[in-house]
Amino acid sequence: MADSKNKSPDKKANRRGAARLAAVQALYQMDIGGAGINDIFAEFESHWLGNEVEGDTYLPAEAAFFKDVVAGVVRDQARLDPLIDEALSKGWPLKRVDAILRAVLRAGAYELEHRKDVPGRVVVSEYVDVAHAFVEAEETGMVNAVLDQIARQFRADEFARG
């Protein structure tokens, strides 16, 4: 039986996780479909956040967190992409990475840089979990390695401690 004292933080964490998953899906849709950010926000608020889509029920996402990640990636993409490129293995530029993984890496990199309210190791772990929803273990290992390297740039103090 679940400990009732833990419900509040778990619920917030679950809503953040749902927001991360929705943000990655939104970024993917923008990348491959060319949808604009306002259309994406409207669609995700009305159809995805806390609803059933293609037979899967999604947890209600923390809408403000979702919007921050999506808008932040859109705003900072020209700066984030070279950082991700540098962290990827040589010979695999970001443009050669599958679109869903580009979305995961961009969202993770954005959050590592801007969401200091979330511990860096939690950010990396959460986006590895999001990647697991879409790709094989080998690719999630790449997500972990790339985001860990980026985390050490943006959060050197956190990652120096062990």
Protein backbone atom coordinates (compact mmCIF):
# COMPACT_ATOMS: atom_id res chain seq x y z
CA MET A 1 0.00 0.00 0.00
CA ALA A 2 1.35 3.42 -0.92
CA ASP A 3 2.43 5.77 1.83
CA SER A 4 -0.03 8.69 1.79
CA LYS A 5 2.69 11.15 2.85
CA ASN A 6 4.43 10.63 -0.48
CA LYS A 7 1.43 11.30 -2.71
CA SER A 8 2.00 15.02 -3.24
CA PRO A 9 5.65 14.91 -4.42
CA ASP A 10 4.99 11.76 -6.48
CA LYS A 11 1.99 13.36 -8.12
CA LYS A 12 4.04 16.44 -9.03
CA ALA A 13 6.89 14.25 -10.32
CA ASN A 14 4.44 12.21 -12.39
CA ARG A 15 2.89 15.37 -13.83
CA ARG A 16 6.39 16.65 -14.68
CA GLY A 17 7.21 13.33 -16.32
CA ALA A 18 4.00 13.57 -18.35
CA ALA A 19 4.95 17.15 -19.29
CA ARG A 20 8.38 15.97 -20.47
CA LEU A 21 6.85 13.21 -22.58
CA ALA A 22 4.32 15.65 -24.08
CA ALA A 23 7.07 18.22 -24.72
CA VAL A 24 9.19 15.67 -26.58
CA GLN A 25 6.17 14.64 -28.66
CA ALA A 26 5.39 18.30 -29.41
CA LEU A 27 8.99 19.03 -30.42
CA TYR A 28 9.01 15.94 -32.61
CA GLN A 29 5.79 17.04 -34.30
CA MET A 30 7.23 20.51 -34.88
CA ASP A 31 10.44 19.02 -36.29
CA ILE A 32 8.87 16.61 -38.76
CA GLY A 33 5.61 18.38 -39.50
CA GLY A 34 6.62 22.01 -39.39
CA ALA A 35 3.79 22.91 -36.99
CA GLY A 36 4.04 26.27 -35.26
CA ILE A 37 4.37 26.67 -31.51
CA ASN A 38 0.92 28.24 -31.01
CA ASP A 39 -0.74 25.39 -32.92
CA ILE A 40 1.24 22.87 -30.89
CA PHE A 41 0.22 24.48 -27.58
CA ALA A 42 -3.45 24.52 -28.59
CA GLU A 43 -3.40 20.93 -29.81
CA PHE A 44 -1.57 19.56 -26.80
CA GLU A 45 -3.77 21.39 -24.32
CA SER A 46 -6.96 20.19 -25.95
CA HIS A 47 -5.97 16.67 -26.99
CA TRP A 48 -2.90 15.34 -25.20
CA LEU A 49 -2.61 16.71 -21.69
CA GLY A 50 -4.43 14.22 -19.50
CA ASN A 51 -6.43 12.53 -22.25
CA GLU A 52 -6.48 9.24 -24.10
CA VAL A 53 -4.63 9.23 -27.40
CA GLU A 54 -4.43 6.18 -29.66
CA GLY A 55 -5.59 3.94 -26.81
CA ASP A 56 -3.05 5.22 -24.25
CA THR A 57 -4.16 7.35 -21.33
CA TYR A 58 -1.71 10.11 -20.51
CA LEU A 59 -1.32 11.54 -17.04
CA PRO A 60 -2.31 15.17 -16.70
CA ALA A 61 0.86 17.08 -17.44
CA GLU A 62 2.07 20.17 -15.68
CA ALA A 63 1.07 22.61 -18.43
CA ALA A 64 3.40 25.45 -17.39
CA PHE A 65 6.38 23.07 -17.32
CA PHE A 66 5.40 21.65 -20.74
CA LYS A 67 5.15 25.16 -22.23
CA ASP A 68 8.46 26.24 -20.67
CA VAL A 69 10.36 23.29 -22.13
CA VAL A 70 8.81 23.56 -25.61
CA ALA A 71 9.12 27.35 -25.85
CA GLY A 72 12.64 27.24 -24.39
CA VAL A 73 13.84 24.66 -26.92
CA VAL A 74 12.32 26.65 -29.78
CA ARG A 75 13.94 29.85 -28.51
CA ASP A 76 17.37 28.31 -27.77
CA GLN A 77 17.61 25.63 -30.47
CA ALA A 78 20.29 27.45 -32.47
CA ARG A 79 22.49 27.42 -29.36
CA LEU A 80 21.51 23.98 -28.04
CA ASP A 81 22.08 22.04 -31.27
CA PRO A 82 25.84 22.76 -31.46
CA LEU A 83 26.20 21.67 -27.80
CA ILE A 84 24.42 18.42 -28.56
CA ASP A 85 26.46 17.96 -31.76
CA GLU A 86 29.64 18.33 -29.74
CA ALA A 87 28.48 15.75 -27.18
CA LEU A 88 27.49 13.19 -29.83
CA SER A 89 30.01 10.68 -31.09
CA LYS A 90 32.15 11.97 -33.91
CA GLY A 91 30.63 11.25 -37.27
CA TRP A 92 27.05 11.43 -35.96
CA PRO A 93 25.87 15.02 -36.25
CA LEU A 94 22.53 15.83 -34.69
CA LYS A 95 20.86 16.06 -38.11
CA ARG A 96 21.62 12.33 -38.60
CA VAL A 97 19.97 11.39 -35.29
CA ASP A 98 16.35 10.19 -35.46
CA ALA A 99 13.84 13.05 -35.03
CA ILE A 100 12.40 11.67 -31.78
CA LEU A 101 15.89 11.47 -30.25
CA ARG A 102 16.64 15.02 -31.40
CA ALA A 103 13.55 16.12 -29.50
CA VAL A 104 14.62 14.20 -26.37
CA LEU A 105 18.17 15.62 -26.48
CA ARG A 106 17.01 19.19 -27.11
CA ALA A 107 14.46 19.08 -24.28
CA GLY A 108 16.98 17.52 -21.90
CA ALA A 109 19.69 20.02 -22.79
CA TYR A 110 17.27 22.93 -22.34
CA GLU A 111 16.17 21.67 -18.94
CA LEU A 112 19.74 21.09 -17.80
CA GLU A 113 20.62 24.67 -18.66
CA HIS A 114 17.51 26.49 -17.48
CA ARG A 115 15.63 24.43 -14.90
CA LYS A 116 18.02 24.58 -11.97
CA ASP A 117 15.04 23.77 -9.71
CA VAL A 118 15.38 20.17 -10.92
CA PRO A 119 18.53 18.22 -9.98
CA GLY A 120 20.68 17.43 -13.02
CA ARG A 121 20.74 13.70 -12.41
CA VAL A 122 16.93 13.70 -12.26
CA VAL A 123 16.79 15.53 -15.61
CA VAL A 124 19.11 13.00 -17.26
CA SER A 125 17.21 10.05 -15.78
CA GLU A 126 13.82 11.45 -16.77
CA TYR A 127 14.81 11.98 -20.40
CA VAL A 128 16.36 8.50 -20.58
CA ASP A 129 12.96 7.23 -19.39
CA VAL A 130 11.19 9.31 -22.05
CA ALA A 131 13.55 7.89 -24.70
CA HIS A 132 12.68 4.35 -23.51
CA ALA A 133 9.10 5.01 -24.65
CA PHE A 134 10.28 5.38 -28.24
CA VAL A 135 13.59 3.63 -28.88
CA GLU A 136 15.76 0.62 -28.06
CA ALA A 137 18.14 0.35 -25.09
CA GLU A 138 21.23 1.10 -27.19
CA GLU A 139 19.79 4.47 -28.20
CA THR A 140 18.73 5.28 -24.63
CA GLY A 141 22.35 4.68 -23.64
CA MET A 142 23.35 7.33 -26.16
CA VAL A 143 20.78 9.73 -24.68
CA ASN A 144 22.21 9.09 -21.22
CA ALA A 145 25.80 9.66 -22.38
CA VAL A 146 25.02 12.85 -24.32
CA LEU A 147 22.87 14.42 -21.59
CA ASP A 148 25.41 13.44 -18.93
CA GLN A 149 28.14 15.23 -20.89
CA ILE A 150 25.93 18.31 -21.33
CA ALA A 151 25.01 18.22 -17.64
CA ARG A 152 28.67 18.39 -16.71
CA GLN A 153 28.90 21.66 -18.67
CA PHE A 154 25.78 23.30 -17.22
CA ARG A 155 25.89 21.72 -13.76
CA ALA A 156 29.57 21.08 -13.08
CA ASP A 157 29.08 21.65 -9.34
CA GLU A 158 26.38 18.97 -9.09
CA PHE A 159 28.26 16.40 -11.16
CA ALA A 160 31.63 17.00 -9.49
CA ARG A 161 30.25 15.57 -6.26
CA GLY A 162 30.19 12.03 -7.55
